[in-house]
Amino acid sequence: MRLFGKAKKEELSRGQEAFAVRMADRICTLQRRVSDRLNRLTAGFGRSTWIFLLVLGCTGFGSYCAYLVWNAFN
């Protein structure tokens, strides 16, 4: 019993393939720049600072998720 058929894989033209490779390179370069900058900015952080930032981030995201759930039922 097949409810969903397999998606047909479309072949990309040479131009599309080249464009996809260029975009992937740009995205990887941007990610590398951002990660290098963040690593330079946070190189001097100690263990307690990292734990504080982790707790702060988890509390912030958790609060936002709780807010979204609360508003979904109101």
C-alpha atoms as a PDB file:
ATOM      1  CA  MET A   1       0.000   0.000   0.000  1.00  0.00           C
ATOM      2  CA  ARG A   2       1.820   3.051  -1.258  1.00  0.00           C
ATOM      3  CA  LEU A   3       0.339   6.275  -0.008  1.00  0.00           C
ATOM      4  CA  PHE A   4       3.129   8.499  -1.252  1.00  0.00           C
ATOM      5  CA  GLY A   5       5.037   7.988  -4.459  1.00  0.00           C
ATOM      6  CA  LYS A   6       8.742   8.565  -4.754  1.00  0.00           C
ATOM      7  CA  ALA A   7       9.732  12.064  -5.791  1.00  0.00           C
ATOM      8  CA  LYS A   8      11.432  12.105  -9.148  1.00  0.00           C
ATOM      9  CA  LYS A   9      14.935  13.470  -8.988  1.00  0.00           C
ATOM     10  CA  GLU A  10      15.467  16.243 -11.496  1.00  0.00           C
ATOM     11  CA  GLU A  11      18.826  16.689 -13.132  1.00  0.00           C
ATOM     12  CA  LEU A  12      20.330  20.156 -12.886  1.00  0.00           C
ATOM     13  CA  SER A  13      21.749  21.955 -15.863  1.00  0.00           C
ATOM     14  CA  ARG A  14      25.408  22.999 -15.845  1.00  0.00           C
ATOM     15  CA  GLY A  15      24.461  26.590 -15.061  1.00  0.00           C
ATOM     16  CA  GLN A  16      22.272  25.544 -12.158  1.00  0.00           C
ATOM     17  CA  GLU A  17      24.973  23.239 -10.823  1.00  0.00           C
ATOM     18  CA  ALA A  18      27.591  26.007 -11.024  1.00  0.00           C
ATOM     19  CA  PHE A  19      25.235  28.439  -9.296  1.00  0.00           C
ATOM     20  CA  ALA A  20      24.559  25.929  -6.508  1.00  0.00           C
ATOM     21  CA  VAL A  21      28.293  25.401  -5.958  1.00  0.00           C
ATOM     22  CA  ARG A  22      28.927  29.175  -5.827  1.00  0.00           C
ATOM     23  CA  MET A  23      26.110  29.694  -3.338  1.00  0.00           C
ATOM     24  CA  ALA A  24      27.354  26.837  -1.149  1.00  0.00           C
ATOM     25  CA  ASP A  25      30.856  28.335  -1.172  1.00  0.00           C
ATOM     26  CA  ARG A  26      29.518  31.754  -0.195  1.00  0.00           C
ATOM     27  CA  ILE A  27      27.461  30.309   2.636  1.00  0.00           C
ATOM     28  CA  CYS A  28      30.425  28.283   3.953  1.00  0.00           C
ATOM     29  CA  THR A  29      32.689  31.334   3.750  1.00  0.00           C
ATOM     30  CA  LEU A  30      30.177  33.458   5.640  1.00  0.00           C
ATOM     31  CA  GLN A  31      29.746  30.783   8.315  1.00  0.00           C
ATOM     32  CA  ARG A  32      33.522  30.502   8.686  1.00  0.00           C
ATOM     33  CA  ARG A  33      33.896  34.283   9.073  1.00  0.00           C
ATOM     34  CA  VAL A  34      31.169  34.455  11.701  1.00  0.00           C
ATOM     35  CA  SER A  35      32.578  31.518  13.655  1.00  0.00           C
ATOM     36  CA  ASP A  36      36.112  32.953  13.539  1.00  0.00           C
ATOM     37  CA  ARG A  37      34.865  36.310  14.794  1.00  0.00           C
ATOM     38  CA  LEU A  38      32.852  34.725  17.607  1.00  0.00           C
ATOM     39  CA  ASN A  39      35.829  32.594  18.607  1.00  0.00           C
ATOM     40  CA  ARG A  40      38.040  35.708  18.769  1.00  0.00           C
ATOM     41  CA  LEU A  41      35.454  37.596  20.834  1.00  0.00           C
ATOM     42  CA  THR A  42      34.942  34.767  23.322  1.00  0.00           C
ATOM     43  CA  ALA A  43      38.511  33.513  23.582  1.00  0.00           C
ATOM     44  CA  GLY A  44      38.997  34.933  27.087  1.00  0.00           C
ATOM     45  CA  PHE A  45      35.771  33.655  28.624  1.00  0.00           C
ATOM     46  CA  GLY A  46      36.128  31.405  31.645  1.00  0.00           C
ATOM     47  CA  ARG A  47      34.075  28.387  32.636  1.00  0.00           C
ATOM     48  CA  SER A  48      31.671  30.333  34.855  1.00  0.00           C
ATOM     49  CA  THR A  49      30.987  32.838  32.063  1.00  0.00           C
ATOM     50  CA  TRP A  50      30.163  30.009  29.629  1.00  0.00           C
ATOM     51  CA  ILE A  51      27.813  28.372  32.140  1.00  0.00           C
ATOM     52  CA  PHE A  52      26.100  31.710  32.782  1.00  0.00           C
ATOM     53  CA  LEU A  53      25.649  32.301  29.045  1.00  0.00           C
ATOM     54  CA  LEU A  54      24.327  28.764  28.574  1.00  0.00           C
ATOM     55  CA  VAL A  55      21.791  29.170  31.378  1.00  0.00           C
ATOM     56  CA  LEU A  56      20.802  32.600  30.067  1.00  0.00           C
ATOM     57  CA  GLY A  57      20.301  31.293  26.534  1.00  0.00           C
ATOM     58  CA  CYS A  58      18.327  28.239  27.650  1.00  0.00           C
ATOM     59  CA  THR A  59      16.139  30.387  29.904  1.00  0.00           C
ATOM     60  CA  GLY A  60      15.507  32.851  27.090  1.00  0.00           C
ATOM     61  CA  PHE A  61      14.600  30.213  24.508  1.00  0.00           C
ATOM     62  CA  GLY A  62      12.527  28.270  27.038  1.00  0.00           C
ATOM     63  CA  SER A  63      10.619  31.382  28.031  1.00  0.00           C
ATOM     64  CA  TYR A  64       9.914  32.221  24.407  1.00  0.00           C
ATOM     65  CA  CYS A  65       8.686  28.668  23.704  1.00  0.00           C
ATOM     66  CA  ALA A  66       6.437  28.802  26.772  1.00  0.00           C
ATOM     67  CA  TYR A  67       5.104  32.161  25.567  1.00  0.00           C
ATOM     68  CA  LEU A  68       4.312  30.688  22.138  1.00  0.00           C
ATOM     69  CA  VAL A  69       2.554  27.676  23.665  1.00  0.00           C
ATOM     70  CA  TRP A  70       0.588  29.892  26.045  1.00  0.00           C
ATOM     71  CA  ASN A  71      -0.571  32.136  23.188  1.00  0.00           C
ATOM     72  CA  ALA A  72      -1.484  29.141  21.031  1.00  0.00           C
ATOM     73  CA  PHE A  73      -4.116  28.077  23.570  1.00  0.00           C
ATOM     74  CA  ASN A  74      -5.483  31.578  24.272  1.00  0.00           C
END
